[in-house]
Amino acid sequence: MGGGYPPPIKIREEKMSMPEYLKRLHDKIVSAIMEIYISQENCTKEREHAILSSDDIYEKICLDIDFKKETFRNYISSIAGSPDSIIKSAFKDFKKSRRKGYYIPCESYEELLKLKKEEKDEEEKYTSEENELEEKKIRGNQEEILYPILYRWLEVRGYDAFYTYPKKKNKKWGNPDITGIKVDEFLGSRSVEIATIEAKVSCKNFREDFFEAVSHRRFSNICYYAFASDKNFFEIKESEEILYYSDLYNVGIILIHTTEEYYKKISDGEIEKIDEEMVDIKLINSPSAEQKGLRHQKSFLENMGIQGKVSLYETNE
């Protein structure tokens, strides 16, 4: 006899409960009986009559234990005599029928089914969350190929552009993908304008993604939500709702338009660099510039590591 199991002991219900080594074996036996019951698909009302011999249970559990059948018979008999056990002896409970074997009563079976369902639901929830995180990671990697063309789009409009997506100091929804800074000086006064872009491969999740762009309004004078598509803007099913959000929150809309074939390559992650000849960047809705607090803007630039621009605020404070 291996596995470090001591000899079976006789348990007196009124005085003793199972020792730890029997509890471990008890749980394995319960799992085995449950698997047999579920595979048989017996009606739960007849569960008390679904009596299994110790040999049937042993055949199901033998790969998880390392002692012989006769020893197992002694163990399961001892376990069934414990007040802690949900495994019951048929010989003891059904004396008139003189049936031998073991079973799990209906109420215990139903409770175990409920627990198994809860465990399965929890596992599915965890798996779903893991898949969602993985999907976001993949989407993030795909989005990065859009950044250079948006970076240049800001430069053409007179901004000094910066990649700010890798920064972490502003925490969730505090890091725009690309940031542009424009400085205007007139008659000795200076104004600083910050523009930010939140870019996505598609507008499929725009009801969530859009608010990443909205969150940047606390420090950005002009915010944009950009996405790629193989359709013209007003051919997109959600176009009216996106425009409504744009007007409501004063966030500009940038469409990175391309062909169906090239868009599929972008969304599938098949290309590493955008061919600018294959895309057309369209400003669908232009936002109005908003005045922002200097303290918030200066703090944003510091957190983004754009130290060279922080001094621009010193004469304005």
Protein backbone atom coordinates (compact mmCIF):
# COMPACT_ATOMS: atom_id res chain seq x y z
CA MET A 1 0.00 0.00 0.00
CA GLY A 2 1.53 3.31 -1.16
CA GLY A 3 0.71 6.99 -1.10
CA GLY A 4 1.30 7.42 2.63
CA TYR A 5 -2.26 6.42 3.62
CA PRO A 6 -2.53 4.89 7.11
CA PRO A 7 -4.76 1.86 7.72
CA PRO A 8 -8.51 2.57 7.58
CA ILE A 9 -10.12 3.39 10.88
CA LYS A 10 -13.62 2.81 12.12
CA ILE A 11 -15.39 6.14 12.60
CA ARG A 12 -18.06 6.46 15.26
CA GLU A 13 -20.53 9.07 14.02
CA GLU A 14 -21.32 10.58 17.38
CA LYS A 15 -17.72 11.23 18.33
CA MET A 16 -15.35 11.44 15.39
CA SER A 17 -15.02 13.22 12.05
CA MET A 18 -12.76 12.31 9.18
CA PRO A 19 -9.03 12.90 9.48
CA GLU A 20 -7.41 14.98 6.76
CA TYR A 21 -6.16 12.08 4.63
CA LEU A 22 -9.69 10.66 4.42
CA LYS A 23 -11.13 14.08 3.56
CA ARG A 24 -8.84 14.25 0.53
CA LEU A 25 -9.92 10.79 -0.57
CA HIS A 26 -13.56 11.67 0.16
CA ASP A 27 -13.39 14.62 -2.26
CA LYS A 28 -11.91 12.44 -5.00
CA ILE A 29 -14.66 9.85 -4.52
CA VAL A 30 -17.36 12.53 -4.61
CA SER A 31 -15.97 13.84 -7.90
CA ALA A 32 -15.92 10.33 -9.33
CA ILE A 33 -19.53 9.61 -8.30
CA MET A 34 -20.69 12.96 -9.69
CA GLU A 35 -19.04 12.22 -13.03
CA ILE A 36 -20.77 8.84 -13.18
CA TYR A 37 -24.14 10.34 -12.26
CA ILE A 38 -23.84 13.13 -14.83
CA SER A 39 -22.74 10.74 -17.57
CA GLN A 40 -25.69 8.47 -16.84
CA GLU A 41 -28.08 11.44 -16.93
CA ASN A 42 -30.34 9.82 -14.37
CA CYS A 43 -33.35 11.72 -13.10
CA THR A 44 -32.37 13.54 -9.93
CA LYS A 45 -35.51 12.27 -8.19
CA GLU A 46 -34.11 8.77 -8.52
CA ARG A 47 -30.67 9.73 -7.31
CA GLU A 48 -30.98 7.90 -3.99
CA HIS A 49 -31.44 4.70 -5.96
CA ALA A 50 -28.38 5.31 -8.15
CA ILE A 51 -26.29 3.04 -6.01
CA LEU A 52 -22.74 2.32 -7.14
CA SER A 53 -20.56 -0.52 -6.02
CA SER A 54 -17.17 0.23 -4.53
CA ASP A 55 -15.64 -1.54 -7.53
CA ASP A 56 -17.44 0.80 -9.96
CA ILE A 57 -16.16 3.81 -8.07
CA TYR A 58 -12.67 2.33 -7.82
CA GLU A 59 -12.51 1.89 -11.60
CA LYS A 60 -13.29 5.58 -11.99
CA ILE A 61 -10.77 6.76 -9.42
CA CYS A 62 -7.97 4.19 -9.66
CA LEU A 63 -5.67 6.40 -11.75
CA ASP A 64 -5.68 9.04 -8.99
CA ILE A 65 -4.78 6.70 -6.14
CA ASP A 66 -2.08 4.14 -5.63
CA PHE A 67 -3.54 1.40 -3.49
CA LYS A 68 -5.40 -1.80 -4.33
CA LYS A 69 -9.11 -2.40 -4.68
CA GLU A 70 -9.50 -4.24 -1.39
CA THR A 71 -7.86 -1.39 0.50
CA PHE A 72 -10.12 1.08 -1.27
CA ARG A 73 -13.19 -0.89 -0.15
CA ASN A 74 -12.10 -0.49 3.46
CA TYR A 75 -11.48 3.24 3.01
CA ILE A 76 -14.83 4.02 1.36
CA SER A 77 -16.66 2.01 4.03
CA SER A 78 -14.92 4.08 6.70
CA ILE A 79 -15.67 7.34 4.86
CA ALA A 80 -19.38 6.51 4.44
CA GLY A 81 -19.62 6.08 8.21
CA SER A 82 -18.47 9.61 8.94
CA PRO A 83 -20.93 12.42 9.81
CA ASP A 84 -18.83 14.72 7.61
CA SER A 85 -19.35 12.60 4.51
CA ILE A 86 -22.00 13.17 1.84
CA ILE A 87 -21.28 9.65 0.58
CA LYS A 88 -23.82 7.28 2.06
CA SER A 89 -23.95 3.52 2.50
CA ALA A 90 -26.84 1.85 0.67
CA PHE A 91 -26.62 -1.23 2.88
CA LYS A 92 -27.15 0.93 5.96
CA ASP A 93 -29.86 3.20 4.50
CA PHE A 94 -31.78 0.62 2.47
CA LYS A 95 -31.69 -2.40 4.76
CA LYS A 96 -34.91 -3.86 3.45
CA SER A 97 -33.60 -4.09 -0.10
CA ARG A 98 -30.26 -5.40 1.18
CA ARG A 99 -28.50 -3.51 -1.59
CA LYS A 100 -24.80 -2.89 -1.18
CA GLY A 101 -22.86 0.06 -2.47
CA TYR A 102 -22.68 3.81 -2.10
CA TYR A 103 -24.60 6.85 -3.29
CA ILE A 104 -24.96 10.62 -2.89
CA PRO A 105 -28.43 11.77 -1.71
CA CYS A 106 -30.55 14.04 -3.87
CA GLU A 107 -30.09 17.20 -1.80
CA SER A 108 -26.29 16.83 -1.73
CA TYR A 109 -26.23 16.07 -5.45
CA GLU A 110 -28.25 19.18 -6.27
CA GLU A 111 -26.02 21.32 -4.08
CA LEU A 112 -22.91 19.94 -5.78
CA LEU A 113 -24.42 20.62 -9.20
CA LYS A 114 -25.06 24.19 -8.14
CA LEU A 115 -21.47 24.58 -6.92
CA LYS A 116 -20.09 23.07 -10.13
CA LYS A 117 -22.19 25.50 -12.16
CA GLU A 118 -20.92 28.44 -10.10
CA GLU A 119 -17.34 27.26 -10.58
CA LYS A 120 -17.91 26.89 -14.31
CA ASP A 121 -19.49 30.34 -14.54
CA GLU A 122 -16.56 31.84 -12.62
CA GLU A 123 -14.08 30.05 -14.89
CA GLU A 124 -15.91 31.26 -18.00
CA LYS A 125 -15.95 34.79 -16.62
CA TYR A 126 -12.21 34.62 -15.95
CA THR A 127 -11.59 33.19 -19.43
CA SER A 128 -13.75 35.91 -20.95
CA GLU A 129 -11.80 38.60 -19.10
CA GLU A 130 -8.52 37.03 -20.19
CA ASN A 131 -9.72 36.93 -23.80
CA GLU A 132 -10.83 40.54 -23.58
CA LEU A 133 -7.43 41.60 -22.26
CA GLU A 134 -5.72 39.63 -25.01
CA GLU A 135 -8.00 41.19 -27.62
CA LYS A 136 -7.22 44.66 -26.29
CA LYS A 137 -3.52 43.86 -26.43
CA ILE A 138 -3.83 42.73 -30.05
CA ARG A 139 -5.89 45.79 -30.92
CA GLY A 140 -3.27 47.98 -29.25
CA ASN A 141 -0.52 46.44 -31.36
CA GLN A 142 -2.60 46.93 -34.51
CA GLU A 143 -3.37 50.54 -33.60
CA GLU A 144 0.32 51.42 -33.44
CA ILE A 145 0.72 51.20 -37.21
CA LEU A 146 -1.75 54.11 -37.50
CA TYR A 147 0.30 56.41 -35.28
CA PRO A 148 2.95 57.59 -37.79
CA ILE A 149 0.41 58.88 -40.33
CA LEU A 150 -1.53 60.69 -37.58
CA TYR A 151 1.75 62.06 -36.22
CA ARG A 152 2.47 63.59 -39.64
CA TRP A 153 -1.13 64.79 -39.92
CA LEU A 154 -0.55 66.92 -36.79
CA GLU A 155 2.80 68.17 -38.09
CA VAL A 156 1.22 69.36 -41.35
CA ARG A 157 -1.16 71.44 -39.22
CA GLY A 158 1.69 73.22 -37.48
CA TYR A 159 2.01 71.11 -34.32
CA ASP A 160 5.14 69.67 -32.78
CA ALA A 161 4.06 66.03 -32.53
CA PHE A 162 4.94 63.46 -29.86
CA TYR A 163 4.14 59.78 -29.36
CA THR A 164 2.60 59.64 -25.88
CA TYR A 165 0.90 56.21 -25.95
CA PRO A 166 3.72 54.35 -24.07
CA LYS A 167 3.59 56.68 -21.05
CA LYS A 168 1.94 55.39 -17.88
CA LYS A 169 1.99 58.23 -15.38
CA ASN A 170 -1.44 59.58 -16.29
CA LYS A 171 -2.94 56.13 -15.62
CA LYS A 172 -6.03 54.76 -17.38
CA TRP A 173 -7.38 56.94 -20.20
CA GLY A 174 -4.83 59.60 -19.37
CA ASN A 175 -2.35 58.88 -22.16
CA PRO A 176 -3.31 60.04 -25.66
CA ASP A 177 -1.79 58.04 -28.50
CA ILE A 178 -0.35 61.14 -30.18
CA THR A 179 -0.02 64.65 -28.80
CA GLY A 180 0.60 67.86 -30.73
CA ILE A 181 1.74 71.19 -29.30
CA LYS A 182 1.43 74.50 -31.12
CA VAL A 183 2.83 77.81 -29.84
CA ASP A 184 1.59 81.18 -31.10
CA GLU A 185 3.27 84.45 -30.12
CA PHE A 186 1.78 87.86 -30.84
CA LEU A 187 2.84 91.26 -29.48
CA GLY A 188 4.78 89.75 -26.62
CA SER A 189 2.07 87.31 -25.53
CA ARG A 190 2.21 83.57 -25.98
CA SER A 191 -0.52 80.96 -26.33
CA VAL A 192 0.03 77.22 -26.17
CA GLU A 193 -2.41 74.79 -27.78
CA ILE A 194 -2.43 71.05 -27.07
CA ALA A 195 -4.13 68.66 -29.48
CA THR A 196 -4.52 64.95 -28.73
CA ILE A 197 -5.54 61.95 -30.85
CA GLU A 198 -6.97 58.63 -29.69
CA ALA A 199 -6.63 56.13 -32.57
CA LYS A 200 -8.42 52.82 -33.14
CA VAL A 201 -8.32 50.21 -35.90
CA SER A 202 -12.12 50.31 -36.17
CA CYS A 203 -15.16 52.02 -34.68
CA LYS A 204 -16.62 48.69 -33.56
CA ASN A 205 -16.18 49.60 -29.86
CA PHE A 206 -16.66 53.35 -30.29
CA ARG A 207 -19.09 53.64 -27.34
CA GLU A 208 -16.15 52.83 -25.07
CA ASP A 209 -13.23 54.04 -27.19
CA PHE A 210 -14.73 57.47 -27.80
CA PHE A 211 -14.61 58.28 -24.11
CA GLU A 212 -10.88 57.74 -24.04
CA ALA A 213 -10.68 60.78 -26.29
CA VAL A 214 -13.23 62.63 -24.13
CA SER A 215 -11.11 62.02 -21.02
CA HIS A 216 -8.26 64.02 -22.55
CA ARG A 217 -10.33 67.20 -22.56
CA ARG A 218 -9.21 68.04 -19.03
CA PHE A 219 -5.79 69.06 -20.39
CA SER A 220 -6.20 69.18 -24.18
CA ASN A 221 -7.50 72.21 -26.07
CA ILE A 222 -8.51 70.04 -29.03
CA CYS A 223 -9.29 66.31 -28.92
CA TYR A 224 -9.72 63.86 -31.78
CA TYR A 225 -11.10 60.35 -32.07
CA ALA A 226 -9.56 58.61 -35.11
CA PHE A 227 -10.37 55.22 -36.62
CA ALA A 228 -9.74 53.27 -39.81
CA SER A 229 -12.44 51.95 -42.14
CA ASP A 230 -12.95 50.67 -45.67
CA LYS A 231 -16.21 52.61 -45.89
CA ASN A 232 -16.93 56.27 -46.41
CA PHE A 233 -18.05 57.82 -43.15
CA PHE A 234 -21.77 58.06 -43.90
CA GLU A 235 -21.82 54.46 -45.10
CA ILE A 236 -20.84 53.38 -41.59
CA LYS A 237 -23.82 52.10 -39.64
CA GLU A 238 -22.93 54.05 -36.50
CA SER A 239 -22.04 57.31 -38.28
CA GLU A 240 -24.99 59.34 -36.96
CA GLU A 241 -24.37 58.25 -33.38
CA ILE A 242 -20.64 59.01 -33.67
CA LEU A 243 -21.44 62.49 -34.98
CA TYR A 244 -23.89 63.00 -32.11
CA TYR A 245 -21.16 62.12 -29.61
CA SER A 246 -18.72 64.37 -31.47
CA ASP A 247 -21.01 67.41 -31.23
CA LEU A 248 -22.08 66.63 -27.67
CA TYR A 249 -18.55 66.33 -26.27
CA ASN A 250 -16.70 68.61 -28.71
CA VAL A 251 -14.36 65.85 -29.91
CA GLY A 252 -13.24 65.85 -33.54
CA ILE A 253 -13.63 62.82 -35.82
CA ILE A 254 -10.80 61.63 -38.07
CA LEU A 255 -11.47 58.85 -40.60
CA ILE A 256 -8.53 56.89 -41.98
CA HIS A 257 -10.15 55.62 -45.16
CA THR A 258 -8.74 52.84 -47.32
CA THR A 259 -9.77 50.01 -49.63
CA GLU A 260 -11.52 46.89 -48.38
CA GLU A 261 -8.50 44.71 -49.20
CA TYR A 262 -5.97 47.01 -47.50
CA TYR A 263 -8.20 47.54 -44.47
CA LYS A 264 -8.39 43.78 -43.96
CA LYS A 265 -4.59 43.66 -43.90
CA ILE A 266 -4.55 46.43 -41.29
CA SER A 267 -7.20 44.83 -39.06
CA ASP A 268 -5.60 41.37 -39.37
CA GLY A 269 -2.19 42.76 -38.42
CA GLU A 270 -0.62 41.65 -41.71
CA ILE A 271 1.32 44.86 -42.34
CA GLU A 272 3.94 46.57 -40.19
CA LYS A 273 3.88 50.01 -41.81
CA ILE A 274 1.08 51.93 -43.49
CA ASP A 275 1.57 52.81 -47.14
CA GLU A 276 0.43 56.43 -47.17
CA GLU A 277 -0.58 56.10 -50.81
CA MET A 278 -3.19 53.56 -49.71
CA VAL A 279 -5.00 55.71 -47.13
CA ASP A 280 -6.85 59.00 -47.11
CA ILE A 281 -7.12 60.89 -43.81
CA LYS A 282 -10.39 62.80 -43.62
CA LEU A 283 -11.40 65.27 -40.93
CA ILE A 284 -15.10 64.49 -40.60
CA ASN A 285 -16.00 66.85 -37.78
CA SER A 286 -13.74 69.62 -36.53
CA PRO A 287 -13.87 70.52 -32.82
CA SER A 288 -13.58 74.02 -31.45
CA ALA A 289 -10.56 74.86 -29.30
CA GLU A 290 -11.27 75.15 -25.56
CA GLN A 291 -9.37 77.12 -22.96
CA LYS A 292 -7.70 74.87 -20.36
CA GLY A 293 -6.08 75.43 -17.00
CA LEU A 294 -2.34 75.96 -17.26
CA ARG A 295 -1.67 73.79 -14.21
CA HIS A 296 -3.38 70.75 -15.78
CA GLN A 297 -1.57 71.22 -19.09
CA LYS A 298 1.82 71.68 -17.46
CA SER A 299 1.26 68.58 -15.30
CA PHE A 300 0.27 66.59 -18.40
CA LEU A 301 3.42 67.57 -20.29
CA GLU A 302 5.59 66.70 -17.30
CA ASN A 303 3.95 63.28 -16.97
CA MET A 304 4.35 62.64 -20.68
CA GLY A 305 8.04 63.48 -20.47
CA ILE A 306 7.71 66.47 -22.85
CA GLN A 307 10.02 68.53 -20.66
CA GLY A 308 11.12 70.86 -23.44
CA LYS A 309 7.63 72.34 -23.64
CA VAL A 310 6.99 72.77 -19.91
CA SER A 311 8.96 76.04 -19.86
CA LEU A 312 6.42 77.53 -22.29
CA TYR A 313 4.05 77.95 -19.36
CA GLU A 314 6.44 79.78 -17.08
CA THR A 315 5.74 83.21 -18.52
CA ASN A 316 1.99 82.51 -18.58
CA GLU A 317 1.55 81.52 -14.93
